[in-house]
Amino acid sequence: DFSMSYQFNNHVSLYLEAQNLLDEPLELYQGIPSRTLQNEEYGRTYALGLKVAL
């Protein structure tokens, strides 16, 4: 995961976020790896935004 932001002034900031950059699946096991409980693939997600405080 990665996030960064830049504050232009007291009222305006820009942010960038990225999640699951290595595209790893979520794998949950019951005791040993051959007993898979859950295996999910989410892919990468990105967010870019502007925050404005009035």
C-alpha atoms as a PDB file:
ATOM      1  CA  ASP A   1       0.000   0.000   0.000  1.00  0.00           C
ATOM      2  CA  PHE A   2       1.087   3.559  -0.667  1.00  0.00           C
ATOM      3  CA  SER A   3      -0.270   7.017   0.069  1.00  0.00           C
ATOM      4  CA  MET A   4       0.947  10.562  -0.265  1.00  0.00           C
ATOM      5  CA  SER A   5      -0.503  14.036  -0.063  1.00  0.00           C
ATOM      6  CA  TYR A   6       0.508  17.582  -0.827  1.00  0.00           C
ATOM      7  CA  GLN A   7      -0.960  20.549   1.016  1.00  0.00           C
ATOM      8  CA  PHE A   8      -1.140  23.656  -1.170  1.00  0.00           C
ATOM      9  CA  ASN A   9      -2.351  25.907   1.656  1.00  0.00           C
ATOM     10  CA  ASN A  10      -4.510  25.707   4.802  1.00  0.00           C
ATOM     11  CA  HIS A  11      -7.603  24.924   2.729  1.00  0.00           C
ATOM     12  CA  VAL A  12      -6.553  22.765  -0.229  1.00  0.00           C
ATOM     13  CA  SER A  13      -4.651  19.474  -0.418  1.00  0.00           C
ATOM     14  CA  LEU A  14      -4.178  16.779  -3.048  1.00  0.00           C
ATOM     15  CA  TYR A  15      -3.860  13.071  -2.219  1.00  0.00           C
ATOM     16  CA  LEU A  16      -2.877   9.870  -4.025  1.00  0.00           C
ATOM     17  CA  GLU A  17      -3.474   6.379  -2.639  1.00  0.00           C
ATOM     18  CA  ALA A  18      -2.706   2.929  -4.049  1.00  0.00           C
ATOM     19  CA  GLN A  19      -3.641  -0.415  -2.520  1.00  0.00           C
ATOM     20  CA  ASN A  20      -2.373  -3.935  -3.218  1.00  0.00           C
ATOM     21  CA  LEU A  21       0.415  -2.725  -5.512  1.00  0.00           C
ATOM     22  CA  LEU A  22       1.884  -6.247  -5.792  1.00  0.00           C
ATOM     23  CA  ASP A  23      -1.556  -7.682  -6.687  1.00  0.00           C
ATOM     24  CA  GLU A  24      -1.371 -10.282  -3.898  1.00  0.00           C
ATOM     25  CA  PRO A  25      -4.426 -12.455  -3.172  1.00  0.00           C
ATOM     26  CA  LEU A  26      -5.928 -12.740   0.308  1.00  0.00           C
ATOM     27  CA  GLU A  27      -5.426 -16.356   1.461  1.00  0.00           C
ATOM     28  CA  LEU A  28      -6.712 -17.661   4.795  1.00  0.00           C
ATOM     29  CA  TYR A  29      -6.032 -21.196   6.043  1.00  0.00           C
ATOM     30  CA  GLN A  30      -7.324 -23.421   8.830  1.00  0.00           C
ATOM     31  CA  GLY A  31      -4.189 -24.665  10.549  1.00  0.00           C
ATOM     32  CA  ILE A  32      -2.249 -25.788   7.445  1.00  0.00           C
ATOM     33  CA  PRO A  33      -2.050 -24.374   3.883  1.00  0.00           C
ATOM     34  CA  SER A  34      -3.873 -27.370   2.364  1.00  0.00           C
ATOM     35  CA  ARG A  35      -7.017 -26.377   4.331  1.00  0.00           C
ATOM     36  CA  THR A  36      -7.984 -23.203   2.529  1.00  0.00           C
ATOM     37  CA  LEU A  37     -10.763 -21.223   4.180  1.00  0.00           C
ATOM     38  CA  GLN A  38     -10.768 -18.197   1.907  1.00  0.00           C
ATOM     39  CA  ASN A  39      -8.986 -17.132  -1.270  1.00  0.00           C
ATOM     40  CA  GLU A  40      -9.860 -13.734  -2.755  1.00  0.00           C
ATOM     41  CA  GLU A  41      -8.275 -11.615  -5.459  1.00  0.00           C
ATOM     42  CA  TYR A  42      -8.893  -7.880  -5.342  1.00  0.00           C
ATOM     43  CA  GLY A  43      -6.435  -6.470  -7.861  1.00  0.00           C
ATOM     44  CA  ARG A  44      -4.838  -3.049  -7.562  1.00  0.00           C
ATOM     45  CA  THR A  45      -6.862   0.031  -6.662  1.00  0.00           C
ATOM     46  CA  TYR A  46      -5.943   3.700  -6.962  1.00  0.00           C
ATOM     47  CA  ALA A  47      -7.474   6.913  -5.668  1.00  0.00           C
ATOM     48  CA  LEU A  48      -6.634  10.507  -6.515  1.00  0.00           C
ATOM     49  CA  GLY A  49      -8.479  13.347  -4.869  1.00  0.00           C
ATOM     50  CA  LEU A  50      -8.626  16.944  -3.845  1.00  0.00           C
ATOM     51  CA  LYS A  51      -9.647  17.996  -0.332  1.00  0.00           C
ATOM     52  CA  VAL A  52     -11.031  21.472   0.235  1.00  0.00           C
ATOM     53  CA  ALA A  53     -11.774  22.865   3.703  1.00  0.00           C
ATOM     54  CA  LEU A  54     -14.112  25.817   3.855  1.00  0.00           C
END
